[in-house]
Amino acid sequence: MHKNHVQVIDKGRVAYKPMWDEQEQLLQKKVQQKGRGEKPTHELFLVEHTPVYTLGKSGKAEHILITEEQRQQLGIDYYHINRGGDITFHGPEQLVVYPILDLEQFKTDLGWYLRSLEEVVIKVLALYGLQGERSQGETGVWLQPNDPALARKICAMGIRCSRWVTMHGIAFNINTPLHFFDYIVPCGIQGKAVTSLEKELGYTAPLETIKQQWLQAFSEVFEVQIG
C-alpha cells in the first residue's frame, strides 16, 4: 500500500504570530493546488512558542483572568484565532505540533483525525508508564479524566480545516511552566487541573527525545513515512 509522505519541519522556539501566518499561507496554497486538480504535499511543524495565550473561535475573552497590563508585564502575547476550542497557553518546553495535511488523502472525517492525534500522545505517554485517556465530550488527552478530584489535562488540541486541509494542532505539556495556566480558565473548563510530563514523572523530561517518540507514534497511527 502506498504511504503518504509527511515532511517534518522543526522550527525550534518561535513567536506565535509568524508561525500562524506561515500555516495560513501553506493552507491557502494547498487549497489552491486542489482547485487546480494538483495533489498537495503534507507538512508537520514541530514548534516551541514564546509565552502566548490563544483564544479559539468560540472562546470567551473573560477566560483570561488577568488584565492586559498584567499579561504584558508577564511577557505573554495574546491572539484571538481561527481554530476550534477556547483559550490555551503555549510556551517554552511544550511540544506544539501543527500538521498541515490534506485529509482527502487520509480519511475525510474530523472525528477520526482528532482521535488519531490523541492516540499519538497516548502512545508517547505509555512509554513513560502513564495512561493517557480521552475525556467524554472534550478534546485532548487527560490523566484520570473520570475522577473529578484527580482529572488533569496534559495535552490540548484545536484545529482548523478548510477543503479538508488541516492547520493548528496540539500542545503537549512536557516541562512547561504550569503557573501560566493559573491566569486563565484552560480550554474554558472550570475546575479541571493542567499537568505536564515533568510534574507527573518528577524529573525534567527529555524534550528532544519526546519529539522523536512523537514522530514515531505519528507515523504508526497515521501510517505515513516521515522525513
C-alpha atoms as a PDB file:
ATOM      1  CA  MET A   1       0.000   0.000   0.000  1.00  0.00           C
ATOM      2  CA  HIS A   2       1.258   3.486  -0.883  1.00  0.00           C
ATOM      3  CA  LYS A   3       2.057   5.537   2.205  1.00  0.00           C
ATOM      4  CA  ASN A   4       1.666   9.292   2.291  1.00  0.00           C
ATOM      5  CA  HIS A   5       4.902  11.165   2.927  1.00  0.00           C
ATOM      6  CA  VAL A   6       4.896  13.898   5.572  1.00  0.00           C
ATOM      7  CA  GLN A   7       7.758  16.402   5.665  1.00  0.00           C
ATOM      8  CA  VAL A   8       8.805  17.287   9.228  1.00  0.00           C
ATOM      9  CA  ILE A   9       9.950  20.865   9.867  1.00  0.00           C
ATOM     10  CA  ASP A  10      11.354  21.603  13.341  1.00  0.00           C
ATOM     11  CA  LYS A  11      11.131  25.362  13.875  1.00  0.00           C
ATOM     12  CA  GLY A  12      12.623  25.432  17.368  1.00  0.00           C
ATOM     13  CA  ARG A  13      11.391  28.226  19.659  1.00  0.00           C
ATOM     14  CA  VAL A  14       9.482  30.923  17.777  1.00  0.00           C
ATOM     15  CA  ALA A  15       6.885  33.626  18.395  1.00  0.00           C
ATOM     16  CA  TYR A  16       3.274  32.661  17.719  1.00  0.00           C
ATOM     17  CA  LYS A  17       2.191  35.116  15.020  1.00  0.00           C
ATOM     18  CA  PRO A  18       4.819  34.306  12.334  1.00  0.00           C
ATOM     19  CA  MET A  19       4.039  30.602  12.750  1.00  0.00           C
ATOM     20  CA  TRP A  20       0.293  31.207  12.475  1.00  0.00           C
ATOM     21  CA  ASP A  21       0.897  33.271   9.301  1.00  0.00           C
ATOM     22  CA  GLU A  22       3.056  30.517   7.811  1.00  0.00           C
ATOM     23  CA  GLN A  23       0.370  27.910   8.461  1.00  0.00           C
ATOM     24  CA  GLU A  24      -2.288  30.127   6.872  1.00  0.00           C
ATOM     25  CA  GLN A  25      -0.169  30.688   3.756  1.00  0.00           C
ATOM     26  CA  LEU A  26       0.533  26.971   3.420  1.00  0.00           C
ATOM     27  CA  LEU A  27      -3.145  26.078   3.859  1.00  0.00           C
ATOM     28  CA  GLN A  28      -4.210  28.591   1.189  1.00  0.00           C
ATOM     29  CA  LYS A  29      -1.521  27.296  -1.171  1.00  0.00           C
ATOM     30  CA  LYS A  30      -2.792  23.727  -0.725  1.00  0.00           C
ATOM     31  CA  VAL A  31      -6.425  24.731  -1.242  1.00  0.00           C
ATOM     32  CA  GLN A  32      -5.396  26.456  -4.497  1.00  0.00           C
ATOM     33  CA  GLN A  33      -3.437  23.373  -5.583  1.00  0.00           C
ATOM     34  CA  LYS A  34      -6.522  21.233  -5.009  1.00  0.00           C
ATOM     35  CA  GLY A  35      -8.623  23.712  -7.004  1.00  0.00           C
ATOM     36  CA  ARG A  36      -6.257  23.120  -9.947  1.00  0.00           C
ATOM     37  CA  GLY A  37      -6.514  19.368  -9.515  1.00  0.00           C
ATOM     38  CA  GLU A  38      -2.988  19.052  -8.111  1.00  0.00           C
ATOM     39  CA  LYS A  39      -2.114  16.734  -5.252  1.00  0.00           C
ATOM     40  CA  PRO A  40      -0.867  18.771  -2.244  1.00  0.00           C
ATOM     41  CA  THR A  41       2.066  17.730  -0.100  1.00  0.00           C
ATOM     42  CA  HIS A  42       1.818  17.157   3.665  1.00  0.00           C
ATOM     43  CA  GLU A  43       3.879  19.035   6.281  1.00  0.00           C
ATOM     44  CA  LEU A  44       4.193  18.786  10.026  1.00  0.00           C
ATOM     45  CA  PHE A  45       5.702  21.604  12.090  1.00  0.00           C
ATOM     46  CA  LEU A  46       7.308  20.979  15.477  1.00  0.00           C
ATOM     47  CA  VAL A  47       7.435  24.193  17.489  1.00  0.00           C
ATOM     48  CA  GLU A  48       8.044  25.668  20.917  1.00  0.00           C
ATOM     49  CA  HIS A  49       6.435  29.056  21.376  1.00  0.00           C
ATOM     50  CA  THR A  50       7.431  32.053  23.423  1.00  0.00           C
ATOM     51  CA  PRO A  51       4.646  32.587  26.036  1.00  0.00           C
ATOM     52  CA  VAL A  52       1.257  33.248  24.429  1.00  0.00           C
ATOM     53  CA  TYR A  53      -2.447  32.809  25.121  1.00  0.00           C
ATOM     54  CA  THR A  54      -4.594  31.914  22.114  1.00  0.00           C
ATOM     55  CA  LEU A  55      -8.380  32.101  22.136  1.00  0.00           C
ATOM     56  CA  GLY A  56     -10.352  29.907  19.746  1.00  0.00           C
ATOM     57  CA  LYS A  57     -13.324  30.984  17.618  1.00  0.00           C
ATOM     58  CA  SER A  58     -15.953  30.120  20.206  1.00  0.00           C
ATOM     59  CA  GLY A  59     -13.831  31.124  23.213  1.00  0.00           C
ATOM     60  CA  LYS A  60     -14.669  33.739  25.813  1.00  0.00           C
ATOM     61  CA  ALA A  61     -12.205  36.565  26.469  1.00  0.00           C
ATOM     62  CA  GLU A  62     -13.208  36.570  30.158  1.00  0.00           C
ATOM     63  CA  HIS A  63     -11.431  33.224  30.469  1.00  0.00           C
ATOM     64  CA  ILE A  64      -8.271  35.330  30.768  1.00  0.00           C
ATOM     65  CA  LEU A  65      -8.203  36.088  34.489  1.00  0.00           C
ATOM     66  CA  ILE A  66      -5.612  38.879  34.463  1.00  0.00           C
ATOM     67  CA  THR A  67      -5.648  42.372  32.981  1.00  0.00           C
ATOM     68  CA  GLU A  68      -3.940  43.250  29.723  1.00  0.00           C
ATOM     69  CA  GLU A  69      -1.377  45.237  31.708  1.00  0.00           C
ATOM     70  CA  GLN A  70      -0.597  42.263  33.963  1.00  0.00           C
ATOM     71  CA  ARG A  71      -0.325  39.998  30.918  1.00  0.00           C
ATOM     72  CA  GLN A  72       2.149  42.370  29.271  1.00  0.00           C
ATOM     73  CA  GLN A  73       4.194  42.608  32.482  1.00  0.00           C
ATOM     74  CA  LEU A  74       4.417  38.803  32.488  1.00  0.00           C
ATOM     75  CA  GLY A  75       5.624  38.878  28.864  1.00  0.00           C
ATOM     76  CA  ILE A  76       2.687  36.877  27.478  1.00  0.00           C
ATOM     77  CA  ASP A  77       1.339  37.572  23.980  1.00  0.00           C
ATOM     78  CA  TYR A  78      -2.362  37.160  23.118  1.00  0.00           C
ATOM     79  CA  TYR A  79      -4.215  36.303  19.888  1.00  0.00           C
ATOM     80  CA  HIS A  80      -7.861  35.561  19.087  1.00  0.00           C
ATOM     81  CA  ILE A  81      -7.507  32.944  16.361  1.00  0.00           C
ATOM     82  CA  ASN A  82      -9.487  30.792  13.943  1.00  0.00           C
ATOM     83  CA  ARG A  83      -9.169  27.307  15.408  1.00  0.00           C
ATOM     84  CA  GLY A  84     -11.806  25.445  17.359  1.00  0.00           C
ATOM     85  CA  GLY A  85     -11.738  25.412  21.145  1.00  0.00           C
ATOM     86  CA  ASP A  86     -11.430  28.049  23.835  1.00  0.00           C
ATOM     87  CA  ILE A  87      -8.325  29.501  25.479  1.00  0.00           C
ATOM     88  CA  THR A  88      -4.996  27.796  25.920  1.00  0.00           C
ATOM     89  CA  PHE A  89      -1.381  28.603  26.675  1.00  0.00           C
ATOM     90  CA  HIS A  90       1.674  27.924  24.537  1.00  0.00           C
ATOM     91  CA  GLY A  91       5.140  28.346  25.927  1.00  0.00           C
ATOM     92  CA  PRO A  92       8.665  27.049  26.424  1.00  0.00           C
ATOM     93  CA  GLU A  93       9.278  23.311  26.890  1.00  0.00           C
ATOM     94  CA  GLN A  94       5.885  22.490  25.413  1.00  0.00           C
ATOM     95  CA  LEU A  95       5.710  20.320  22.302  1.00  0.00           C
ATOM     96  CA  VAL A  96       3.438  22.086  19.819  1.00  0.00           C
ATOM     97  CA  VAL A  97       2.682  20.198  16.610  1.00  0.00           C
ATOM     98  CA  TYR A  98       0.961  21.668  13.560  1.00  0.00           C
ATOM     99  CA  PRO A  99       0.109  19.034  10.929  1.00  0.00           C
ATOM    100  CA  ILE A 100      -0.826  20.636   7.582  1.00  0.00           C
ATOM    101  CA  LEU A 101      -2.396  17.594   5.960  1.00  0.00           C
ATOM    102  CA  ASP A 102      -4.836  17.014   3.116  1.00  0.00           C
ATOM    103  CA  LEU A 103      -7.309  14.665   4.780  1.00  0.00           C
ATOM    104  CA  GLU A 104      -8.699  13.657   1.390  1.00  0.00           C
ATOM    105  CA  GLN A 105      -5.519  11.575   1.110  1.00  0.00           C
ATOM    106  CA  PHE A 106      -6.174  10.056   4.553  1.00  0.00           C
ATOM    107  CA  LYS A 107      -9.799   9.996   5.696  1.00  0.00           C
ATOM    108  CA  THR A 108     -12.407  12.760   5.356  1.00  0.00           C
ATOM    109  CA  ASP A 109     -13.520  12.527   8.967  1.00  0.00           C
ATOM    110  CA  LEU A 110     -12.562  15.211  11.504  1.00  0.00           C
ATOM    111  CA  GLY A 111     -13.566  12.997  14.414  1.00  0.00           C
ATOM    112  CA  TRP A 112     -11.145  10.336  13.185  1.00  0.00           C
ATOM    113  CA  TYR A 113      -8.432  12.985  12.760  1.00  0.00           C
ATOM    114  CA  LEU A 114      -8.823  14.346  16.308  1.00  0.00           C
ATOM    115  CA  ARG A 115      -8.969  10.861  17.882  1.00  0.00           C
ATOM    116  CA  SER A 116      -5.860   9.878  15.883  1.00  0.00           C
ATOM    117  CA  LEU A 117      -3.906  12.903  17.153  1.00  0.00           C
ATOM    118  CA  GLU A 118      -4.956  11.975  20.687  1.00  0.00           C
ATOM    119  CA  GLU A 119      -3.831   8.391  20.081  1.00  0.00           C
ATOM    120  CA  VAL A 120      -0.323   9.583  19.151  1.00  0.00           C
ATOM    121  CA  VAL A 121       0.014  11.370  22.509  1.00  0.00           C
ATOM    122  CA  ILE A 122      -1.458   8.382  24.379  1.00  0.00           C
ATOM    123  CA  LYS A 123       1.212   6.152  22.790  1.00  0.00           C
ATOM    124  CA  VAL A 124       4.004   8.504  23.902  1.00  0.00           C
ATOM    125  CA  LEU A 125       2.670   8.721  27.463  1.00  0.00           C
ATOM    126  CA  ALA A 126       2.601   4.916  27.634  1.00  0.00           C
ATOM    127  CA  LEU A 127       6.373   4.894  27.050  1.00  0.00           C
ATOM    128  CA  TYR A 128       6.675   6.722  30.388  1.00  0.00           C
ATOM    129  CA  GLY A 129       4.275   4.459  32.261  1.00  0.00           C
ATOM    130  CA  LEU A 130       1.395   6.935  32.118  1.00  0.00           C
ATOM    131  CA  GLN A 131      -2.118   6.068  30.996  1.00  0.00           C
ATOM    132  CA  GLY A 132      -3.372   8.893  28.789  1.00  0.00           C
ATOM    133  CA  GLU A 133      -7.122   8.885  28.239  1.00  0.00           C
ATOM    134  CA  ARG A 134      -9.888  10.781  26.489  1.00  0.00           C
ATOM    135  CA  SER A 135     -12.484  12.761  28.419  1.00  0.00           C
ATOM    136  CA  GLN A 136     -16.075  12.347  27.230  1.00  0.00           C
ATOM    137  CA  GLY A 137     -17.145  15.353  25.185  1.00  0.00           C
ATOM    138  CA  GLU A 138     -13.766  17.105  25.416  1.00  0.00           C
ATOM    139  CA  THR A 139     -10.799  17.009  23.050  1.00  0.00           C
ATOM    140  CA  GLY A 140      -7.233  16.468  24.180  1.00  0.00           C
ATOM    141  CA  VAL A 141      -5.514  13.918  26.392  1.00  0.00           C
ATOM    142  CA  TRP A 142      -6.107  13.589  30.114  1.00  0.00           C
ATOM    143  CA  LEU A 143      -4.918  11.607  33.106  1.00  0.00           C
ATOM    144  CA  GLN A 144      -7.660  10.085  35.277  1.00  0.00           C
ATOM    145  CA  PRO A 145     -10.436  12.013  33.497  1.00  0.00           C
ATOM    146  CA  ASN A 146     -13.214  10.081  35.203  1.00  0.00           C
ATOM    147  CA  ASP A 147     -12.200  11.167  38.707  1.00  0.00           C
ATOM    148  CA  PRO A 148     -13.209  14.836  39.177  1.00  0.00           C
ATOM    149  CA  ALA A 149     -10.773  15.210  42.070  1.00  0.00           C
ATOM    150  CA  LEU A 150      -7.794  13.927  40.073  1.00  0.00           C
ATOM    151  CA  ALA A 151      -8.595  14.708  36.408  1.00  0.00           C
ATOM    152  CA  ARG A 152      -5.852  16.728  34.759  1.00  0.00           C
ATOM    153  CA  LYS A 153      -5.124  17.669  31.172  1.00  0.00           C
ATOM    154  CA  ILE A 154      -1.685  17.071  29.692  1.00  0.00           C
ATOM    155  CA  CYS A 155      -2.358  17.828  26.014  1.00  0.00           C
ATOM    156  CA  ALA A 156      -4.692  20.435  24.497  1.00  0.00           C
ATOM    157  CA  MET A 157      -5.973  20.328  20.920  1.00  0.00           C
ATOM    158  CA  GLY A 158      -7.633  22.689  18.490  1.00  0.00           C
ATOM    159  CA  ILE A 159      -7.727  22.581  14.714  1.00  0.00           C
ATOM    160  CA  ARG A 160      -8.992  24.390  11.653  1.00  0.00           C
ATOM    161  CA  CYS A 161      -9.897  22.605   8.439  1.00  0.00           C
ATOM    162  CA  SER A 162     -10.613  24.137   5.011  1.00  0.00           C
ATOM    163  CA  ARG A 163     -11.341  21.958   1.948  1.00  0.00           C
ATOM    164  CA  TRP A 164     -10.076  19.065   4.111  1.00  0.00           C
ATOM    165  CA  VAL A 165      -6.689  20.753   4.641  1.00  0.00           C
ATOM    166  CA  THR A 166      -5.812  20.981   8.348  1.00  0.00           C
ATOM    167  CA  MET A 167      -3.916  23.539  10.412  1.00  0.00           C
ATOM    168  CA  HIS A 168      -3.260  24.297  14.099  1.00  0.00           C
ATOM    169  CA  GLY A 169      -2.937  21.103  16.162  1.00  0.00           C
ATOM    170  CA  ILE A 170      -1.786  20.010  19.605  1.00  0.00           C
ATOM    171  CA  ALA A 171       0.039  21.424  22.636  1.00  0.00           C
ATOM    172  CA  PHE A 172       1.628  18.686  24.763  1.00  0.00           C
ATOM    173  CA  ASN A 173       2.965  19.867  28.132  1.00  0.00           C
ATOM    174  CA  ILE A 174       6.456  18.425  28.614  1.00  0.00           C
ATOM    175  CA  ASN A 175       8.412  20.659  31.024  1.00  0.00           C
ATOM    176  CA  THR A 176       6.007  23.566  30.573  1.00  0.00           C
ATOM    177  CA  PRO A 177       5.927  26.146  33.420  1.00  0.00           C
ATOM    178  CA  LEU A 178       2.419  25.433  34.713  1.00  0.00           C
ATOM    179  CA  HIS A 179       1.936  28.736  36.566  1.00  0.00           C
ATOM    180  CA  PHE A 180       0.963  30.319  33.235  1.00  0.00           C
ATOM    181  CA  PHE A 181      -2.253  28.275  33.350  1.00  0.00           C
ATOM    182  CA  ASP A 182      -3.198  29.891  36.680  1.00  0.00           C
ATOM    183  CA  TYR A 183      -4.107  33.112  34.872  1.00  0.00           C
ATOM    184  CA  ILE A 184      -6.686  31.539  32.527  1.00  0.00           C
ATOM    185  CA  VAL A 185      -9.587  29.077  32.590  1.00  0.00           C
ATOM    186  CA  PRO A 186      -7.780  26.456  30.455  1.00  0.00           C
ATOM    187  CA  CYS A 187      -9.875  25.399  27.456  1.00  0.00           C
ATOM    188  CA  GLY A 188     -12.800  27.167  29.127  1.00  0.00           C
ATOM    189  CA  ILE A 189     -13.248  24.248  31.522  1.00  0.00           C
ATOM    190  CA  GLN A 190     -13.736  25.328  35.113  1.00  0.00           C
ATOM    191  CA  GLY A 191     -12.097  23.376  37.902  1.00  0.00           C
ATOM    192  CA  LYS A 192     -10.019  20.986  35.780  1.00  0.00           C
ATOM    193  CA  ALA A 193      -6.302  20.881  36.519  1.00  0.00           C
ATOM    194  CA  VAL A 194      -3.478  21.030  33.988  1.00  0.00           C
ATOM    195  CA  THR A 195      -0.348  18.931  34.298  1.00  0.00           C
ATOM    196  CA  SER A 196       2.929  18.263  32.496  1.00  0.00           C
ATOM    197  CA  LEU A 197       5.072  15.227  31.851  1.00  0.00           C
ATOM    198  CA  GLU A 198       7.706  16.703  34.174  1.00  0.00           C
ATOM    199  CA  LYS A 199       5.185  17.061  37.010  1.00  0.00           C
ATOM    200  CA  GLU A 200       3.928  13.504  36.543  1.00  0.00           C
ATOM    201  CA  LEU A 201       7.393  11.933  36.322  1.00  0.00           C
ATOM    202  CA  GLY A 202       9.080  14.063  38.983  1.00  0.00           C
ATOM    203  CA  TYR A 203      12.016  14.906  36.721  1.00  0.00           C
ATOM    204  CA  THR A 204      12.761  17.005  33.634  1.00  0.00           C
ATOM    205  CA  ALA A 205      11.606  15.089  30.595  1.00  0.00           C
ATOM    206  CA  PRO A 206      13.889  14.899  27.523  1.00  0.00           C
ATOM    207  CA  LEU A 207      12.093  17.153  25.025  1.00  0.00           C
ATOM    208  CA  GLU A 208      14.241  16.224  22.016  1.00  0.00           C
ATOM    209  CA  THR A 209      13.736  12.519  22.716  1.00  0.00           C
ATOM    210  CA  ILE A 210       9.992  13.027  23.087  1.00  0.00           C
ATOM    211  CA  LYS A 211       9.847  14.799  19.723  1.00  0.00           C
ATOM    212  CA  GLN A 212      11.315  11.690  18.077  1.00  0.00           C
ATOM    213  CA  GLN A 213       8.973   9.401  20.034  1.00  0.00           C
ATOM    214  CA  TRP A 214       6.008  11.560  18.996  1.00  0.00           C
ATOM    215  CA  LEU A 215       7.020  11.398  15.323  1.00  0.00           C
ATOM    216  CA  GLN A 216       7.437   7.626  15.517  1.00  0.00           C
ATOM    217  CA  ALA A 217       3.974   7.249  17.071  1.00  0.00           C
ATOM    218  CA  PHE A 218       2.529   9.651  14.463  1.00  0.00           C
ATOM    219  CA  SER A 219       3.999   7.593  11.613  1.00  0.00           C
ATOM    220  CA  GLU A 220       2.395   4.447  13.113  1.00  0.00           C
ATOM    221  CA  VAL A 221      -1.048   5.892  13.833  1.00  0.00           C
ATOM    222  CA  PHE A 222      -1.361   7.775  10.516  1.00  0.00           C
ATOM    223  CA  GLU A 223       0.518   5.084   8.542  1.00  0.00           C
ATOM    224  CA  VAL A 224       2.858   7.599   6.891  1.00  0.00           C
ATOM    225  CA  GLN A 225       6.509   7.960   6.013  1.00  0.00           C
ATOM    226  CA  ILE A 226       8.096  10.946   7.712  1.00  0.00           C
ATOM    227  CA  GLY A 227      11.262  12.812   6.939  1.00  0.00           C
END
